[in-house]
N, C-alpha and C. Protein backbone atom coordinates (compact mmCIF):
# COMPACT_ATOMS: atom_id res chain seq x y z
N MET A 1 -134.22 92.44 -63.85
CA MET A 1 -135.35 92.33 -65.07
C MET A 1 -134.22 91.62 -65.79
N ARG A 2 -135.00 90.69 -66.50
CA ARG A 2 -134.50 89.39 -67.26
C ARG A 2 -133.40 90.22 -68.26
N ALA A 3 -132.78 89.70 -68.81
CA ALA A 3 -131.71 89.99 -70.45
C ALA A 3 -132.76 90.42 -71.17
N ALA A 4 -133.79 89.75 -71.89
CA ALA A 4 -134.36 90.14 -72.94
C ALA A 4 -135.01 91.33 -73.08
N ALA A 5 -135.92 91.58 -71.31
CA ALA A 5 -136.20 92.60 -70.89
C ALA A 5 -135.42 94.02 -71.00
N ARG A 6 -134.13 94.05 -70.62
CA ARG A 6 -132.86 94.84 -70.76
C ARG A 6 -132.71 94.99 -72.24
N SER A 7 -132.75 94.35 -73.07
CA SER A 7 -131.97 94.37 -74.32
C SER A 7 -133.48 94.83 -75.05
N LEU A 8 -134.16 94.98 -74.73
CA LEU A 8 -135.60 95.40 -75.72
C LEU A 8 -135.61 96.81 -74.84
N LEU A 9 -135.57 97.38 -73.25
CA LEU A 9 -135.79 98.36 -72.87
C LEU A 9 -134.31 98.94 -73.61
N GLY A 10 -133.19 98.59 -73.76
CA GLY A 10 -132.35 99.26 -74.64
C GLY A 10 -132.60 99.68 -75.87
N ALA A 11 -132.97 99.05 -76.29
CA ALA A 11 -133.29 99.09 -78.15
C ALA A 11 -134.43 100.19 -77.99
N ALA A 12 -135.19 100.21 -77.20
CA ALA A 12 -136.21 101.30 -77.62
C ALA A 12 -135.64 102.72 -77.11
N VAL A 13 -134.39 102.59 -75.93
CA VAL A 13 -134.11 104.17 -76.02
C VAL A 13 -133.17 105.02 -76.88
N GLY A 14 -132.74 103.16 -77.12
CA GLY A 14 -131.22 103.79 -78.06
C GLY A 14 -132.26 103.73 -79.54
N LEU A 15 -133.16 103.49 -79.67
CA LEU A 15 -134.35 103.80 -81.07
C LEU A 15 -134.69 105.59 -81.22
N VAL A 16 -135.59 105.58 -79.75
CA VAL A 16 -135.47 107.02 -79.38
C VAL A 16 -134.53 108.20 -79.67
N LEU A 17 -133.34 107.81 -78.60
CA LEU A 17 -132.03 108.41 -79.38
C LEU A 17 -131.59 108.33 -80.67
N GLY A 18 -131.89 107.38 -81.40
CA GLY A 18 -130.78 107.79 -82.55
C GLY A 18 -131.83 108.37 -83.76
N VAL A 19 -133.30 108.26 -83.90
CA VAL A 19 -134.27 109.02 -84.58
C VAL A 19 -134.40 110.56 -84.57
N MET A 20 -133.62 111.23 -82.81
CA MET A 20 -133.66 112.61 -82.86
C MET A 20 -132.35 112.68 -83.00
N THR A 21 -131.82 112.18 -83.35
CA THR A 21 -129.81 112.19 -83.64
C THR A 21 -130.48 112.39 -85.00
N ALA A 22 -130.08 111.85 -85.69
CA ALA A 22 -130.77 111.50 -87.36
C ALA A 22 -131.50 112.50 -87.56
N VAL A 23 -133.00 113.30 -87.30
CA VAL A 23 -133.62 114.23 -87.07
C VAL A 23 -132.90 115.48 -87.84
N GLY A 24 -132.11 115.64 -86.19
CA GLY A 24 -131.19 116.41 -86.02
C GLY A 24 -129.76 116.82 -87.11
N LEU A 25 -129.52 116.06 -87.39
CA LEU A 25 -128.74 115.75 -88.42
C LEU A 25 -129.39 116.64 -89.80
N LEU A 26 -130.58 115.83 -89.97
CA LEU A 26 -130.80 116.49 -91.50
C LEU A 26 -131.22 117.28 -91.00
N VAL A 27 -132.21 118.33 -90.31
CA VAL A 27 -132.22 119.82 -90.01
C VAL A 27 -131.70 120.67 -90.17
N ALA A 28 -130.55 119.98 -89.38
CA ALA A 28 -128.78 120.60 -89.19
C ALA A 28 -128.35 121.06 -90.80
N ASN A 29 -128.50 119.86 -91.67
CA ASN A 29 -127.71 119.56 -93.12
C ASN A 29 -128.68 120.98 -93.73
N ALA A 30 -129.87 120.58 -93.32
CA ALA A 30 -131.00 121.82 -94.16
C ALA A 30 -130.88 123.41 -93.51
N ARG A 31 -130.93 123.33 -92.34
CA ARG A 31 -130.97 124.97 -92.16
C ARG A 31 -129.53 125.52 -91.86
N LEU A 32 -128.38 125.02 -92.40
CA LEU A 32 -127.02 125.71 -92.34
C LEU A 32 -126.42 125.50 -93.63
N ARG A 33 -126.55 124.40 -94.34
CA ARG A 33 -125.60 123.91 -95.57
C ARG A 33 -126.96 123.91 -96.69
N GLY A 34 -128.05 124.11 -96.23
CA GLY A 34 -128.77 124.43 -97.48
C GLY A 34 -129.02 122.79 -97.97
N ARG A 35 -128.90 121.79 -97.61
CA ARG A 35 -129.16 120.63 -98.64
C ARG A 35 -130.80 119.64 -97.59
N TYR A 36 -131.50 120.30 -98.61
CA TYR A 36 -132.91 119.40 -98.32
C TYR A 36 -133.04 118.06 -98.90
N LEU A 37 -133.95 117.51 -98.69
CA LEU A 37 -134.31 115.91 -98.22
C LEU A 37 -135.09 116.32 -100.04
N SER A 38 -134.56 115.79 -101.20
CA SER A 38 -135.60 115.59 -102.21
C SER A 38 -136.07 114.15 -102.49
N SER A 39 -135.44 113.33 -101.78
CA SER A 39 -135.54 111.96 -101.70
C SER A 39 -135.60 111.12 -101.09
N PRO A 40 -136.52 109.77 -100.74
CA PRO A 40 -136.17 108.86 -99.42
C PRO A 40 -134.43 108.83 -99.83
N ASP A 41 -134.04 108.61 -100.60
CA ASP A 41 -132.49 107.86 -100.97
C ASP A 41 -131.52 108.80 -100.27
N ASP A 42 -132.12 109.90 -100.16
CA ASP A 42 -131.65 111.32 -99.44
C ASP A 42 -130.92 110.82 -97.99
N ALA A 43 -132.24 110.30 -97.41
CA ALA A 43 -132.04 109.97 -95.81
C ALA A 43 -131.46 108.64 -95.44
N LEU A 44 -130.68 107.96 -96.81
CA LEU A 44 -130.24 106.61 -95.99
C LEU A 44 -128.53 106.63 -96.30
N GLY A 45 -127.90 107.74 -96.53
CA GLY A 45 -126.69 107.98 -96.22
C GLY A 45 -126.14 108.11 -94.83
N TRP A 46 -125.04 108.59 -94.58
CA TRP A 46 -124.44 108.89 -93.51
C TRP A 46 -125.90 109.20 -92.35
N ALA A 47 -126.93 110.14 -92.51
CA ALA A 47 -127.59 110.39 -91.20
C ALA A 47 -128.74 109.65 -90.75
N ALA A 48 -128.45 108.27 -91.58
CA ALA A 48 -129.00 107.12 -91.05
C ALA A 48 -128.40 106.11 -90.26
N LEU A 49 -127.13 106.04 -89.68
CA LEU A 49 -126.25 105.55 -89.01
C LEU A 49 -126.55 105.87 -86.80
N PRO A 50 -127.18 107.15 -87.05
CA PRO A 50 -127.97 106.84 -85.60
C PRO A 50 -128.83 106.07 -85.03
N LEU A 51 -129.38 105.64 -86.51
CA LEU A 51 -130.63 104.48 -86.52
C LEU A 51 -130.53 103.79 -86.42
N LEU A 52 -129.42 103.10 -86.92
CA LEU A 52 -128.46 101.59 -86.51
C LEU A 52 -127.95 101.21 -85.11
N ALA A 53 -126.90 102.63 -84.79
CA ALA A 53 -125.91 102.80 -84.02
C ALA A 53 -126.80 102.75 -82.49
N GLY A 54 -128.00 103.53 -82.44
CA GLY A 54 -128.63 103.75 -81.09
C GLY A 54 -129.21 102.58 -80.77
N PRO A 55 -130.39 101.63 -81.30
CA PRO A 55 -130.52 100.19 -80.75
C PRO A 55 -129.64 99.45 -80.50
N ALA A 56 -128.53 99.42 -81.33
CA ALA A 56 -127.52 98.20 -81.18
C ALA A 56 -126.40 98.72 -79.88
N LEU A 57 -126.35 100.19 -79.40
CA LEU A 57 -125.35 100.08 -78.28
C LEU A 57 -126.61 100.15 -77.06
N GLY A 58 -127.84 100.38 -77.39
CA GLY A 58 -128.78 99.93 -76.36
C GLY A 58 -129.12 98.64 -75.28
N VAL A 59 -128.95 97.86 -76.84
CA VAL A 59 -129.18 96.13 -76.35
C VAL A 59 -128.02 95.63 -75.67
N TRP A 60 -127.05 96.67 -75.97
CA TRP A 60 -125.27 96.35 -75.86
C TRP A 60 -125.22 96.60 -74.60
N LEU A 61 -126.12 97.86 -73.95
CA LEU A 61 -126.07 98.50 -72.50
C LEU A 61 -126.71 97.83 -71.64
N GLY A 62 -128.15 97.33 -72.37
CA GLY A 62 -128.85 96.79 -71.42
C GLY A 62 -128.52 95.42 -71.25
N LEU A 63 -127.93 94.61 -72.25
CA LEU A 63 -127.47 93.33 -72.05
C LEU A 63 -126.26 93.27 -70.97
N ARG A 64 -125.61 94.43 -70.50
CA ARG A 64 -124.09 94.64 -68.86
C ARG A 64 -124.79 94.65 -67.85
N ARG A 65 -126.00 95.58 -67.63
CA ARG A 65 -126.72 95.29 -66.27
C ARG A 65 -126.16 96.42 -65.56
N SER A 66 -125.75 97.41 -66.36
CA SER A 66 -124.46 98.39 -65.56
C SER A 66 -125.31 100.08 -65.17
N ALA A 67 -125.07 100.40 -64.44
CA ALA A 67 -124.99 101.54 -64.28
C ALA A 67 -124.81 102.78 -65.28
N LEU A 68 -123.53 102.12 -66.39
CA LEU A 68 -123.36 102.75 -67.06
C LEU A 68 -124.50 103.00 -68.46
N GLY A 69 -124.96 102.26 -68.70
CA GLY A 69 -126.54 102.57 -69.74
C GLY A 69 -127.61 103.24 -69.00
N ARG A 70 -127.68 103.36 -67.77
CA ARG A 70 -128.66 104.24 -67.28
C ARG A 70 -128.28 105.43 -67.10
N ARG A 71 -127.07 105.83 -66.76
CA ARG A 71 -126.23 107.43 -66.64
C ARG A 71 -126.14 107.36 -68.10
N ILE A 72 -126.06 106.43 -69.40
CA ILE A 72 -126.17 107.03 -70.66
C ILE A 72 -127.20 107.71 -71.05
N ALA A 73 -128.51 107.39 -70.43
CA ALA A 73 -129.86 107.70 -71.04
C ALA A 73 -129.88 108.86 -70.04
N VAL A 74 -129.74 108.47 -68.95
CA VAL A 74 -130.42 110.04 -67.92
C VAL A 74 -129.63 111.20 -68.80
N ARG A 75 -128.51 111.18 -68.36
CA ARG A 75 -127.59 112.39 -69.21
C ARG A 75 -127.79 112.43 -70.54
N ALA A 76 -128.34 111.74 -71.71
CA ALA A 76 -128.78 111.77 -72.61
C ALA A 76 -129.92 112.81 -73.08
N ALA A 77 -130.34 112.25 -71.91
CA ALA A 77 -132.02 112.81 -71.70
C ALA A 77 -132.30 114.17 -71.34
N TRP A 78 -131.28 114.48 -70.67
CA TRP A 78 -131.55 115.85 -69.87
C TRP A 78 -130.45 116.73 -70.77
N GLY A 79 -129.44 116.86 -71.70
CA GLY A 79 -128.88 116.85 -72.65
C GLY A 79 -129.81 117.62 -74.00
N MET A 80 -130.29 116.60 -73.87
CA MET A 80 -131.22 116.95 -75.41
C MET A 80 -132.77 118.11 -74.87
N THR A 81 -132.97 117.73 -73.32
CA THR A 81 -133.75 118.59 -72.94
C THR A 81 -133.46 120.31 -72.87
N ALA A 82 -132.19 120.07 -72.01
CA ALA A 82 -131.60 121.63 -72.17
C ALA A 82 -131.60 122.14 -73.98
N GLY A 83 -131.04 121.25 -74.49
CA GLY A 83 -130.16 121.32 -75.94
C GLY A 83 -131.90 122.26 -76.75
N ILE A 84 -132.59 121.34 -75.85
CA ILE A 84 -134.14 121.95 -77.02
C ILE A 84 -134.46 123.64 -76.77
N ALA A 85 -134.33 123.46 -75.16
CA ALA A 85 -134.57 125.03 -75.08
C ALA A 85 -133.60 125.86 -75.54
N LEU A 86 -132.10 125.55 -75.56
CA LEU A 86 -131.51 126.64 -76.17
C LEU A 86 -131.40 126.94 -77.15
N GLY A 87 -131.29 125.15 -77.72
CA GLY A 87 -131.18 126.15 -79.60
C GLY A 87 -132.32 126.67 -80.04
N ALA A 88 -133.56 126.06 -79.58
CA ALA A 88 -135.24 127.14 -79.71
C ALA A 88 -134.31 128.63 -79.84
N ALA A 89 -134.22 128.85 -78.40
CA ALA A 89 -134.00 130.46 -78.05
C ALA A 89 -133.02 130.96 -78.79
N ILE A 90 -131.88 130.44 -79.16
CA ILE A 90 -130.99 130.86 -79.69
C ILE A 90 -131.39 130.86 -81.19
N GLY A 91 -131.49 129.42 -81.45
CA GLY A 91 -132.51 129.84 -83.19
C GLY A 91 -133.48 131.59 -83.25
N GLY A 92 -134.65 131.47 -82.58
CA GLY A 92 -135.34 132.42 -83.03
C GLY A 92 -134.72 133.51 -82.94
N ALA A 93 -133.63 134.00 -81.71
CA ALA A 93 -133.22 135.20 -81.74
C ALA A 93 -132.04 135.13 -82.80
N ILE A 94 -131.10 134.17 -83.42
CA ILE A 94 -130.33 134.84 -84.37
C ILE A 94 -131.27 134.34 -85.59
N ASP A 95 -132.49 134.03 -86.01
CA ASP A 95 -132.76 134.86 -87.28
C ASP A 95 -134.70 134.21 -86.77
N ARG A 96 -135.17 135.40 -87.56
CA ARG A 96 -136.64 135.50 -87.56
C ARG A 96 -137.50 135.03 -88.57
N HIS A 97 -136.81 133.78 -88.73
CA HIS A 97 -137.22 132.68 -89.70
C HIS A 97 -138.24 131.77 -89.20
N GLU A 98 -139.92 131.82 -89.62
CA GLU A 98 -140.42 131.03 -88.43
C GLU A 98 -140.42 129.51 -88.43
N ALA A 99 -139.31 128.98 -89.25
CA ALA A 99 -139.23 127.41 -88.32
C ALA A 99 -137.61 127.37 -88.21
N SER A 100 -137.12 128.99 -87.56
CA SER A 100 -135.79 129.32 -87.01
C SER A 100 -135.77 128.94 -85.63
N ALA A 101 -136.75 129.10 -84.73
CA ALA A 101 -136.89 128.40 -83.03
C ALA A 101 -137.27 126.61 -83.33
N TRP A 102 -137.77 126.22 -84.50
CA TRP A 102 -138.04 125.42 -84.59
C TRP A 102 -136.58 124.49 -84.47
N ALA A 103 -136.10 124.76 -85.88
CA ALA A 103 -134.51 124.08 -86.50
C ALA A 103 -133.53 124.19 -85.21
N GLY A 104 -133.89 125.14 -84.53
CA GLY A 104 -133.11 125.44 -83.25
C GLY A 104 -133.09 124.02 -82.68
N GLY A 105 -134.30 124.18 -81.99
CA GLY A 105 -134.56 123.30 -81.25
C GLY A 105 -134.50 121.93 -81.26
N VAL A 106 -134.31 121.49 -82.52
CA VAL A 106 -133.83 119.91 -82.74
C VAL A 106 -132.62 120.05 -83.28
N ILE A 107 -132.01 120.56 -83.72
CA ILE A 107 -130.39 120.71 -83.80
C ILE A 107 -129.98 120.41 -82.40
N GLY A 108 -130.02 121.95 -81.09
CA GLY A 108 -129.73 121.43 -79.98
C GLY A 108 -130.19 120.43 -78.93
N GLY A 109 -131.30 119.82 -79.59
CA GLY A 109 -131.73 118.42 -78.76
C GLY A 109 -130.35 117.54 -79.41
N THR A 110 -130.43 117.99 -80.60
CA THR A 110 -129.86 116.89 -81.57
C THR A 110 -128.29 116.80 -80.41
N ALA A 111 -127.37 118.01 -80.19
CA ALA A 111 -126.53 118.39 -79.76
C ALA A 111 -125.87 117.89 -77.91
N GLY A 112 -127.16 117.79 -77.29
CA GLY A 112 -127.63 117.81 -76.29
C GLY A 112 -127.52 116.20 -75.86
N ILE A 113 -128.35 115.06 -76.72
CA ILE A 113 -128.30 114.11 -76.63
C ILE A 113 -126.93 114.11 -77.11
N LEU A 114 -125.86 114.04 -77.98
CA LEU A 114 -124.51 113.25 -77.88
C LEU A 114 -123.50 114.44 -76.90
N ILE A 115 -124.02 115.46 -76.29
CA ILE A 115 -122.77 115.94 -75.42
C ILE A 115 -123.80 115.03 -74.16
N GLY A 116 -124.41 115.07 -74.00
CA GLY A 116 -124.79 114.05 -72.49
C GLY A 116 -124.52 112.71 -72.36
N ALA A 117 -124.59 111.92 -73.75
CA ALA A 117 -124.31 110.70 -73.85
C ALA A 117 -123.17 110.51 -73.94
N ALA A 118 -121.71 111.34 -74.39
CA ALA A 118 -120.71 111.71 -74.08
C ALA A 118 -120.51 111.75 -72.97
N LEU A 119 -120.94 112.57 -71.53
CA LEU A 119 -120.71 112.60 -70.41
C LEU A 119 -121.28 111.69 -69.70
N GLY A 120 -122.22 110.48 -70.08
CA GLY A 120 -122.35 109.39 -69.84
C GLY A 120 -121.37 108.41 -69.74
N TRP A 121 -120.46 108.39 -70.18
CA TRP A 121 -119.37 107.54 -70.10
C TRP A 121 -118.41 107.44 -69.38
N VAL A 122 -118.52 109.33 -68.61
CA VAL A 122 -117.76 109.53 -67.42
C VAL A 122 -118.39 109.08 -65.89
N PRO A 123 -117.66 108.28 -65.13
CA PRO A 123 -118.19 107.75 -63.82
C PRO A 123 -117.80 108.93 -63.19
N PRO A 124 -118.94 108.57 -62.24
CA PRO A 124 -118.81 109.46 -61.07
C PRO A 124 -118.09 109.52 -60.33
N ARG A 125 -117.89 110.06 -58.93
CA ARG A 125 -116.82 110.27 -58.35
C ARG A 125 -116.67 109.17 -57.43
N GLY A 126 -115.25 108.25 -57.54
CA GLY A 126 -115.49 107.50 -56.51
C GLY A 126 -115.76 106.06 -57.43
N GLU A 127 -116.27 106.04 -58.79
CA GLU A 127 -116.40 105.33 -59.11
C GLU A 127 -115.55 105.12 -60.11
N GLY A 128 -114.77 104.50 -59.87
CA GLY A 128 -113.35 103.89 -61.64
C GLY A 128 -113.88 103.24 -62.28
N ALA A 129 -112.86 102.53 -63.08
CA ALA A 129 -112.78 101.97 -63.91
C ALA A 129 -112.68 100.66 -63.00
N ALA A 130 -112.24 100.29 -62.71
CA ALA A 130 -112.30 98.73 -61.94
C ALA A 130 -113.35 97.99 -61.83
N SER A 131 -114.46 98.97 -61.22
CA SER A 131 -115.73 98.34 -61.12
C SER A 131 -116.74 98.18 -62.34
N GLY A 132 -116.14 98.62 -63.62
CA GLY A 132 -116.68 98.60 -64.90
C GLY A 132 -118.05 99.11 -64.93
N GLY A 133 -118.02 99.67 -64.07
CA GLY A 133 -120.07 100.02 -63.98
C GLY A 133 -120.49 99.35 -63.40
N ARG A 134 -120.63 98.15 -63.57
CA ARG A 134 -121.72 97.08 -62.55
C ARG A 134 -122.02 97.45 -61.65
N THR A 135 -123.15 97.58 -61.32
CA THR A 135 -123.83 97.42 -60.00
C THR A 135 -124.64 96.36 -59.33
N ASP A 136 -124.94 95.48 -60.43
CA ASP A 136 -125.17 94.22 -59.55
C ASP A 136 -124.31 92.86 -59.62
N PRO A 137 -124.59 91.92 -58.87
CA PRO A 137 -123.46 90.53 -59.40
C PRO A 137 -124.12 90.03 -60.84
N GLY A 138 -123.63 88.81 -61.02
CA GLY A 138 -123.29 88.30 -62.56
C GLY A 138 -123.90 88.54 -63.68
């Protein structure tokens, strides 16, 4: 795959994960701390960081041509899926408010993305730091 295509794919995956993370942070802030968005300016603070960091990290990982980028994306996706299911179940069980299961799913999905992405940096057994995660020459 050419460098431009890899970087574009990395940016797209990073943007999707960044949007989900930003939304999860905003929902968590609203549900857990009672701080709701009252204007677009409220969303431009710290919660916007994943919108910039996700695509930037995705481009960097795409240009590396490494198993690391694939591993992070796959583990973050699995974490998001598990987090949504678990968060929705817990949110619905803790609070009977109509938005609790939905908010729990969003918050759980965000936690799953962050945990899965962090675990993606851990190489599988047998693949040490010496390889740097590269799977193809050049």
